N, C-alpha and C. Protein backbone atom coordinates (compact mmCIF):
# COMPACT_ATOMS: atom_id res chain seq x y z
N UNK A 1 8.96 -0.55 19.09
CA UNK A 1 7.86 -1.51 18.46
C UNK A 1 9.14 -2.46 17.23
N UNK A 2 8.96 -1.77 16.31
CA UNK A 2 9.84 -2.44 14.76
C UNK A 2 9.77 -3.99 15.02
N UNK A 3 8.22 -4.18 14.85
CA UNK A 3 7.99 -5.54 14.25
C UNK A 3 8.09 -5.84 12.93
N UNK A 4 8.41 -7.07 12.70
CA UNK A 4 8.54 -7.05 11.04
C UNK A 4 7.79 -8.29 10.59
N UNK A 5 7.45 -7.94 9.20
CA UNK A 5 6.13 -8.62 8.66
C UNK A 5 6.81 -8.86 7.18
N UNK A 6 6.31 -10.24 6.59
CA UNK A 6 6.46 -10.82 5.31
C UNK A 6 6.03 -10.12 4.01
N UNK A 7 4.55 -9.66 4.80
CA UNK A 7 3.46 -9.06 3.59
C UNK A 7 2.80 -8.09 4.11
N UNK A 8 2.21 -7.19 3.09
CA UNK A 8 1.21 -6.27 3.34
C UNK A 8 0.10 -6.57 4.18
N UNK A 9 -0.55 -7.83 3.88
CA UNK A 9 -1.86 -8.25 4.66
C UNK A 9 -1.46 -8.38 6.14
N UNK A 10 -0.04 -9.21 6.27
CA UNK A 10 0.27 -9.63 7.56
C UNK A 10 0.53 -8.29 8.42
N UNK A 11 1.34 -7.31 7.73
CA UNK A 11 1.44 -5.93 8.26
C UNK A 11 -0.10 -5.69 9.15
N UNK A 12 -0.89 -5.17 8.14
CA UNK A 12 -2.39 -4.76 8.64
C UNK A 12 -2.89 -5.57 9.74
N UNK A 13 -2.94 -6.93 9.57
CA UNK A 13 -3.21 -7.81 10.77
C UNK A 13 -2.33 -7.17 12.33
N UNK A 14 -0.99 -7.17 11.76
CA UNK A 14 -0.38 -6.92 13.38
C UNK A 14 -0.51 -5.26 13.44
N UNK A 15 -0.99 -4.28 12.57
CA UNK A 15 -1.14 -2.89 13.11
C UNK A 15 -2.49 -2.76 13.83
N UNK A 16 -3.65 -3.67 13.11
CA UNK A 16 -5.27 -3.21 13.46
C UNK A 16 -5.55 -4.69 14.79
N UNK A 17 -4.90 -5.59 14.68
CA UNK A 17 -4.87 -6.63 15.97
C UNK A 17 -6.65 -7.19 15.49
N UNK A 18 -7.12 -7.14 17.11
CA UNK A 18 -8.24 -7.93 17.37
C UNK A 18 -9.37 -6.73 16.81
N UNK A 19 -9.28 -5.57 16.05
CA UNK A 19 -10.24 -4.62 15.58
C UNK A 19 -10.53 -5.06 14.40
N UNK A 20 -9.45 -6.06 13.86
CA UNK A 20 -10.10 -6.69 12.34
C UNK A 20 -10.74 -8.17 12.52
N UNK A 21 -11.74 -8.18 11.75
CA UNK A 21 -12.58 -9.59 11.96
C UNK A 21 -12.79 -9.80 10.33
N UNK A 22 -11.86 -10.60 10.29
CA UNK A 22 -11.68 -11.12 8.59
C UNK A 22 -11.00 -12.31 8.47
N UNK A 23 -11.38 -12.68 7.49
CA UNK A 23 -10.75 -14.36 7.02
C UNK A 23 -9.32 -14.23 6.58
N UNK A 24 -8.35 -15.33 5.94
CA UNK A 24 -7.44 -15.47 5.98
C UNK A 24 -6.95 -14.84 4.41
N UNK A 25 -7.81 -14.59 3.25
CA UNK A 25 -7.01 -13.98 1.96
C UNK A 25 -7.05 -12.08 2.56
N UNK A 26 -6.19 -11.58 1.75
CA UNK A 26 -5.94 -10.59 1.71
C UNK A 26 -7.19 -9.39 1.63
N UNK A 27 -8.09 -9.98 0.13
CA UNK A 27 -9.49 -9.31 0.23
C UNK A 27 -10.72 -9.41 0.96
N UNK A 28 -10.15 -10.29 2.28
CA UNK A 28 -10.97 -10.45 3.45
C UNK A 28 -10.78 -9.47 4.33
N UNK A 29 -9.81 -8.63 4.30
CA UNK A 29 -9.25 -7.61 5.06
C UNK A 29 -10.46 -6.08 4.97
N UNK A 30 -10.82 -6.05 3.82
CA UNK A 30 -11.71 -4.84 2.99
C UNK A 30 -12.80 -5.17 3.09
N UNK A 31 -13.82 -4.04 3.36
CA UNK A 31 -15.01 -3.74 2.98
C UNK A 31 -15.35 -3.55 1.36
N UNK A 32 -16.36 -4.08 0.80
CA UNK A 32 -16.99 -4.50 -0.48
C UNK A 32 -16.55 -2.82 -1.27
N UNK A 33 -17.05 -1.81 -0.25
CA UNK A 33 -17.12 -0.59 -0.83
C UNK A 33 -15.92 0.29 -0.33
N UNK A 34 -14.77 -0.33 -0.07
CA UNK A 34 -13.22 0.40 0.25
C UNK A 34 -12.98 1.51 -0.28
N UNK A 35 -12.49 2.78 0.42
CA UNK A 35 -12.34 3.88 -0.20
C UNK A 35 -10.40 3.72 -0.20
N UNK A 36 -9.99 3.67 -1.22
CA UNK A 36 -8.25 3.97 -0.60
C UNK A 36 -8.21 5.13 -1.73
N UNK A 37 -6.93 5.96 -0.50
CA UNK A 37 -6.85 7.06 -1.00
C UNK A 37 -5.22 7.26 -1.37
N UNK A 38 -4.59 7.96 -1.78
CA UNK A 38 -2.72 8.27 -2.32
C UNK A 38 -2.99 9.58 -2.13
N UNK A 39 -2.94 10.52 -1.32
CA UNK A 39 -2.94 11.66 -1.67
C UNK A 39 -1.41 12.38 -2.32
N UNK A 40 -0.78 11.78 -2.04
CA UNK A 40 0.82 12.11 -2.53
C UNK A 40 1.30 11.10 -3.94
N UNK A 41 0.35 10.76 -4.30
CA UNK A 41 0.49 9.72 -5.61
C UNK A 41 0.63 10.80 -6.75
N UNK A 42 2.26 10.43 -7.77
CA UNK A 42 2.55 11.19 -8.78
C UNK A 42 1.48 11.15 -10.05
N UNK A 43 2.02 11.93 -10.78
CA UNK A 43 1.07 11.91 -11.93
C UNK A 43 0.92 10.57 -12.64
N UNK A 44 -0.01 10.04 -13.24
CA UNK A 44 0.09 8.66 -13.79
C UNK A 44 -0.08 7.53 -12.88
N UNK A 45 -0.39 7.73 -11.63
CA UNK A 45 -0.48 6.70 -10.68
C UNK A 45 -2.20 7.40 -10.08
N UNK A 46 -2.96 6.24 -9.40
CA UNK A 46 -4.16 6.97 -8.79
C UNK A 46 -3.74 7.09 -7.73
N UNK A 47 -4.85 8.32 -7.57
CA UNK A 47 -5.11 8.80 -6.04
C UNK A 47 -6.03 8.48 -5.26
N UNK A 48 -6.73 7.80 -5.78
CA UNK A 48 -8.35 7.44 -5.15
C UNK A 48 -8.80 6.30 -5.79
N UNK A 49 -8.81 5.09 -5.06
CA UNK A 49 -9.67 3.93 -5.75
C UNK A 49 -11.06 3.43 -4.45
N UNK A 50 -11.89 3.26 -5.84
CA UNK A 50 -13.16 2.92 -5.32
C UNK A 50 -13.82 1.86 -5.26
N UNK A 51 -13.77 0.84 -3.89
CA UNK A 51 -14.49 -0.31 -4.33
C UNK A 51 -13.63 -1.49 -4.26
N UNK A 52 -13.65 -2.56 -4.10
CA UNK A 52 -12.69 -3.91 -3.87
C UNK A 52 -12.16 -4.37 -5.25
N UNK A 53 -13.26 -4.40 -6.51
CA UNK A 53 -12.74 -4.57 -7.58
C UNK A 53 -11.36 -3.51 -8.15
N UNK A 54 -11.23 -2.23 -7.81
CA UNK A 54 -10.35 -1.18 -7.90
C UNK A 54 -9.19 -1.56 -7.32
N UNK A 55 -9.31 -2.16 -5.83
CA UNK A 55 -8.23 -2.36 -5.39
C UNK A 55 -7.57 -3.49 -5.50
N UNK A 56 -8.14 -4.42 -6.05
CA UNK A 56 -8.00 -5.81 -6.45
C UNK A 56 -6.88 -5.62 -7.75
N UNK A 57 -7.45 -4.54 -8.58
CA UNK A 57 -7.18 -4.42 -10.05
C UNK A 57 -5.71 -3.44 -9.83
N UNK A 58 -5.57 -2.48 -8.86
CA UNK A 58 -4.37 -1.81 -8.49
C UNK A 58 -3.41 -2.76 -8.31
N UNK A 59 -3.64 -3.50 -6.83
CA UNK A 59 -2.61 -4.71 -6.79
C UNK A 59 -1.74 -5.38 -7.62
N UNK A 60 -2.87 -6.00 -8.64
CA UNK A 60 -2.58 -6.48 -9.50
C UNK A 60 -1.19 -5.74 -10.68
N UNK A 61 -1.65 -4.34 -10.59
CA UNK A 61 -0.87 -3.79 -11.66
C UNK A 61 0.47 -3.37 -11.15
N UNK A 62 0.36 -3.48 -9.63
CA UNK A 62 1.67 -2.88 -8.65
C UNK A 62 2.91 -4.34 -8.61
N UNK A 63 2.13 -5.21 -8.76
CA UNK A 63 2.46 -6.47 -8.54
C UNK A 63 4.04 -6.87 -9.62
N UNK A 64 3.87 -6.36 -10.70
CA UNK A 64 5.07 -6.56 -12.05
C UNK A 64 5.79 -5.49 -11.52
N UNK A 65 5.85 -4.31 -10.75
CA UNK A 65 6.42 -3.10 -10.94
C UNK A 65 7.36 -2.86 -10.08
N UNK A 66 6.76 -3.61 -8.67
CA UNK A 66 7.80 -3.40 -7.31
C UNK A 66 7.66 -4.71 -6.51
N UNK A 67 8.91 -4.99 -6.22
CA UNK A 67 9.16 -5.96 -5.18
C UNK A 67 9.14 -5.58 -3.95
N UNK A 68 8.03 -5.95 -2.89
CA UNK A 68 8.23 -5.08 -1.57
C UNK A 68 8.76 -6.38 -0.83
N UNK A 69 9.88 -6.06 0.06
CA UNK A 69 10.44 -6.95 0.75
C UNK A 69 9.84 -6.81 2.18
N UNK A 70 10.60 -6.90 3.50
CA UNK A 70 10.26 -6.63 4.74
C UNK A 70 9.49 -5.39 4.91
N UNK A 71 8.46 -5.76 5.58
CA UNK A 71 7.29 -4.18 6.50
C UNK A 71 8.17 -4.16 7.57
N UNK A 72 8.30 -3.09 8.22
CA UNK A 72 8.71 -2.89 9.32
C UNK A 72 7.32 -1.79 10.27
N UNK A 73 6.93 -2.38 11.50
CA UNK A 73 6.01 -1.64 11.72
C UNK A 73 6.36 -0.67 13.25
N UNK A 74 6.07 0.48 13.07
CA UNK A 74 7.13 1.34 14.43
C UNK A 74 6.18 1.85 15.00
N UNK A 75 5.25 2.33 14.71
CA UNK A 75 4.05 2.82 15.89
C UNK A 75 2.50 2.44 15.21
N UNK A 76 1.66 2.35 16.65
CA UNK A 76 0.27 2.29 16.07
C UNK A 76 -0.37 3.30 17.28
N UNK A 77 -1.41 4.10 16.56
CA UNK A 77 -1.88 5.34 17.33
C UNK A 77 -3.52 5.05 17.04
N UNK A 78 -4.18 4.27 17.86
CA UNK A 78 -5.56 3.79 18.11
C UNK A 78 -6.41 5.04 18.06
N UNK A 79 -7.57 5.48 17.60
CA UNK A 79 -8.52 6.65 18.10
C UNK A 79 -10.18 5.87 17.78
N UNK A 80 -10.43 5.02 18.41
CA UNK A 80 -11.96 4.45 18.24
C UNK A 80 -11.82 3.33 16.96
N UNK A 81 -12.58 3.90 15.82
CA UNK A 81 -12.72 3.02 15.06
C UNK A 81 -11.65 3.46 13.77
N UNK A 82 -10.93 4.30 13.81
CA UNK A 82 -9.54 4.74 13.13
C UNK A 82 -8.07 4.56 13.63
N UNK A 83 -7.52 3.90 13.26
CA UNK A 83 -6.31 4.03 13.56
C UNK A 83 -5.00 4.24 12.73
N UNK A 84 -4.31 5.01 13.33
CA UNK A 84 -2.97 5.65 12.55
C UNK A 84 -1.95 4.84 12.60
N UNK A 85 -1.34 4.40 11.69
CA UNK A 85 0.14 3.77 12.05
C UNK A 85 1.49 3.97 10.97
N UNK A 86 2.53 3.82 11.55
CA UNK A 86 3.91 4.07 10.64
C UNK A 86 4.33 2.86 10.41
N UNK A 87 4.75 2.94 9.37
CA UNK A 87 5.62 1.54 8.91
C UNK A 87 6.72 1.84 7.65
N UNK A 88 7.52 0.96 7.79
CA UNK A 88 8.41 1.35 6.30
C UNK A 88 8.61 0.23 5.70
N UNK A 89 9.23 0.13 4.38
CA UNK A 89 9.23 -1.09 3.75
C UNK A 89 10.27 -1.18 2.77
N UNK A 90 11.09 -2.55 2.74
CA UNK A 90 12.14 -2.31 1.85
C UNK A 90 11.67 -3.07 0.72
N UNK A 91 12.45 -2.67 -0.52
CA UNK A 91 12.21 -3.28 -1.80
C UNK A 91 12.83 -3.03 -2.74
N UNK A 92 12.51 -2.88 -3.88
CA UNK A 92 13.50 -2.52 -5.11
C UNK A 92 12.29 -2.45 -6.31
N UNK A 93 12.42 -1.79 -7.42
CA UNK A 93 11.46 -1.54 -8.58
C UNK A 93 12.25 -2.95 -9.59
N UNK A 94 11.35 -3.27 -9.93
CA UNK A 94 11.78 -4.86 -10.60
C UNK A 94 12.48 -4.42 -11.99
N UNK A 95 11.94 -3.91 -12.87
CA UNK A 95 12.59 -3.53 -14.11
C UNK A 95 13.86 -2.84 -13.85
N UNK A 96 14.04 -1.91 -12.81
CA UNK A 96 15.35 -0.80 -12.44
C UNK A 96 16.35 -1.52 -11.73
N UNK A 97 15.93 -2.40 -10.72
CA UNK A 97 16.71 -2.79 -9.75
C UNK A 97 17.03 -1.94 -8.43
N UNK A 98 16.41 -1.12 -8.72
CA UNK A 98 16.93 0.41 -7.83
C UNK A 98 15.72 0.30 -6.30
N UNK A 99 16.44 0.92 -5.41
CA UNK A 99 15.60 0.44 -4.12
C UNK A 99 14.46 1.09 -4.04
N UNK A 100 13.57 0.36 -3.48
CA UNK A 100 12.26 1.28 -2.91
C UNK A 100 12.29 1.02 -1.29
N UNK A 101 13.10 1.86 -0.85
CA UNK A 101 12.68 2.04 0.88
C UNK A 101 11.90 3.07 1.12
N UNK A 102 10.75 2.75 1.30
CA UNK A 102 9.84 3.68 1.88
C UNK A 102 9.17 3.71 2.94
N UNK A 103 9.13 4.98 3.46
CA UNK A 103 8.30 5.21 4.84
C UNK A 103 6.87 5.80 4.89
N UNK A 104 5.85 5.02 5.49
CA UNK A 104 4.49 5.41 5.40
C UNK A 104 4.02 6.13 6.75
N UNK A 105 3.00 6.64 6.67
CA UNK A 105 1.97 6.81 7.53
C UNK A 105 0.52 6.53 6.87
N UNK A 106 -0.11 5.72 7.53
CA UNK A 106 -1.45 4.91 6.84
C UNK A 106 -2.68 5.41 8.17
N UNK A 107 -3.61 5.80 7.49
CA UNK A 107 -4.70 6.27 8.57
C UNK A 107 -5.85 5.16 7.82
N UNK A 108 -6.36 4.39 8.70
CA UNK A 108 -7.09 3.32 8.28
C UNK A 108 -8.68 3.33 9.45
N UNK A 109 -9.43 3.45 8.66
CA UNK A 109 -10.94 3.44 9.43
C UNK A 109 -11.58 2.10 9.07
N UNK A 110 -12.18 1.57 9.86
CA UNK A 110 -12.76 0.39 10.21
C UNK A 110 -14.03 0.53 10.36
N UNK A 111 -15.14 -0.55 9.81
CA UNK A 111 -16.59 -0.39 9.86
C UNK A 111 -16.81 -2.36 10.04
N UNK A 112 -17.37 -2.37 11.00
CA UNK A 112 -17.95 -4.13 11.21
C UNK A 112 -16.42 -4.78 10.88
N UNK A 113 -15.15 -4.35 11.43
CA UNK A 113 -14.23 -5.29 11.58
C UNK A 113 -13.58 -5.72 9.94
N UNK A 114 -13.91 -4.65 9.18
CA UNK A 114 -13.24 -4.96 7.76
C UNK A 114 -12.61 -3.33 7.57
N UNK A 115 -11.59 -2.81 6.89
CA UNK A 115 -10.87 -1.76 6.20
C UNK A 115 -11.79 -0.58 5.36
N UNK A 116 -12.68 0.31 6.03
CA UNK A 116 -13.65 0.85 4.95
C UNK A 116 -12.92 1.87 4.38
N UNK A 117 -12.11 2.50 4.61
CA UNK A 117 -10.95 3.66 4.23
C UNK A 117 -9.81 3.69 4.28
N UNK A 118 -8.73 3.64 3.50
CA UNK A 118 -7.48 3.60 3.87
C UNK A 118 -6.76 5.10 3.09
N UNK A 119 -5.74 5.85 4.01
CA UNK A 119 -5.45 6.96 3.33
C UNK A 119 -4.36 6.84 3.71
N UNK A 120 -3.33 6.54 2.49
CA UNK A 120 -1.84 6.29 2.54
C UNK A 120 -1.05 7.23 1.96
N UNK A 121 -0.06 7.64 3.25
CA UNK A 121 0.67 8.82 2.48
C UNK A 121 2.33 8.19 2.81
N UNK A 122 2.85 8.43 1.53
CA UNK A 122 4.09 7.96 1.55
C UNK A 122 5.12 9.11 0.27
N UNK A 123 6.34 8.83 0.39
CA UNK A 123 6.84 9.91 -0.76
C UNK A 123 6.80 9.28 -2.04
N UNK A 124 6.42 10.02 -2.76
CA UNK A 124 6.23 9.44 -4.24
C UNK A 124 7.61 9.48 -4.83
N UNK A 125 8.64 10.74 -4.52
CA UNK A 125 10.12 10.56 -5.06
C UNK A 125 10.60 9.08 -4.84
N UNK A 126 10.60 8.46 -3.94
CA UNK A 126 10.93 7.28 -3.61
C UNK A 126 10.38 6.19 -4.81
N UNK A 127 8.99 6.26 -5.03
CA UNK A 127 8.32 5.24 -6.02
C UNK A 127 8.64 5.67 -7.35
N UNK A 128 9.00 6.95 -7.78
CA UNK A 128 9.63 7.58 -9.25
C UNK A 128 11.05 6.68 -9.40
N UNK A 129 11.75 7.10 -8.51
CA UNK A 129 13.00 6.82 -8.62
C UNK A 129 13.28 5.29 -8.52
N UNK A 130 12.54 4.34 -7.79
CA UNK A 130 12.50 3.25 -8.11
C UNK A 130 12.28 2.46 -9.34
N UNK A 131 11.24 3.20 -9.97
CA UNK A 131 10.50 2.80 -11.25
C UNK A 131 11.28 3.37 -12.25
N UNK A 132 12.17 4.13 -12.02
CA UNK A 132 12.91 4.58 -13.15
C UNK A 132 12.41 6.01 -13.77
N UNK A 133 11.82 6.78 -12.93
CA UNK A 133 11.40 8.30 -13.57
C UNK A 133 9.55 8.18 -13.33
N UNK A 134 9.31 9.56 -13.62
CA UNK A 134 7.78 9.48 -13.53
C UNK A 134 7.01 8.98 -14.81
N UNK A 135 7.75 9.33 -15.91
CA UNK A 135 7.22 8.82 -17.30
C UNK A 135 7.21 7.01 -17.08
N UNK A 136 8.49 6.80 -16.57
CA UNK A 136 8.47 5.10 -16.74
C UNK A 136 7.30 4.75 -15.69
N UNK A 137 7.33 5.39 -14.43
CA UNK A 137 6.10 4.44 -13.55
C UNK A 137 4.90 4.80 -14.07
N UNK A 138 4.57 5.68 -14.65
CA UNK A 138 3.05 5.69 -15.22
C UNK A 138 2.86 5.25 -16.31
N UNK A 139 3.84 4.78 -17.56
CA UNK A 139 3.68 3.81 -18.45
C UNK A 139 3.41 2.27 -18.00
N UNK A 140 4.49 1.93 -17.07
CA UNK A 140 4.31 0.69 -16.38
C UNK A 140 3.09 0.75 -15.61
N UNK A 141 2.57 1.22 -14.89
CA UNK A 141 1.31 1.11 -14.29
C UNK A 141 0.04 1.02 -15.14
N UNK A 142 0.08 1.77 -16.63
CA UNK A 142 -0.78 1.40 -17.62
C UNK A 142 -0.77 0.09 -18.05
N UNK A 143 0.53 -0.32 -17.99
CA UNK A 143 0.97 -2.19 -18.54
C UNK A 143 1.66 -1.67 -19.93
N UNK A 144 1.80 -0.24 -20.01
CA UNK A 144 3.09 -0.55 -21.38
C UNK A 144 4.50 -1.02 -21.05
N UNK A 145 4.70 -1.13 -21.98
CA UNK A 145 6.39 -1.52 -21.82
C UNK A 145 7.03 -0.57 -21.76
N UNK A 146 8.05 -0.50 -21.04
CA UNK A 146 9.50 0.74 -20.77
C UNK A 146 10.70 0.20 -21.36
N UNK A 147 11.45 1.36 -21.60
CA UNK A 147 12.98 0.94 -22.21
C UNK A 147 13.95 1.47 -20.60
N UNK A 148 13.60 1.24 -19.34
CA UNK A 148 14.12 1.22 -18.76
C UNK A 148 15.73 0.69 -18.32
């Protein structure tokens, strides 16, 4: 497969296809009560986000931390309202310039054409390295200045 996408929202649209019945904005892809889970998130980063406001806040915090470049969709495994997909992302830590080359497996459950639950499995060591260490990652997420 190896389809390329310039943004996370485009990747989601590509992976979920016509199962997704949403408008043009990223927030349109998610149910108001969306549950996002990051089972392998390192200390200082969230493991669970409940609701669209929490997701929007999380995305706003990540923006200054990581530059996410090209996304590559490798495989899609649909099962009714749940879709498992495998993808990778090339990017870098903004403060460090270190690579953020991440592989993901995401388990997405849809409800009425929107994402109701998203479980995101990724390697926390890649994120911690790109952000300059665990302490720097936690401080950056909290909005504190770091000396990376």
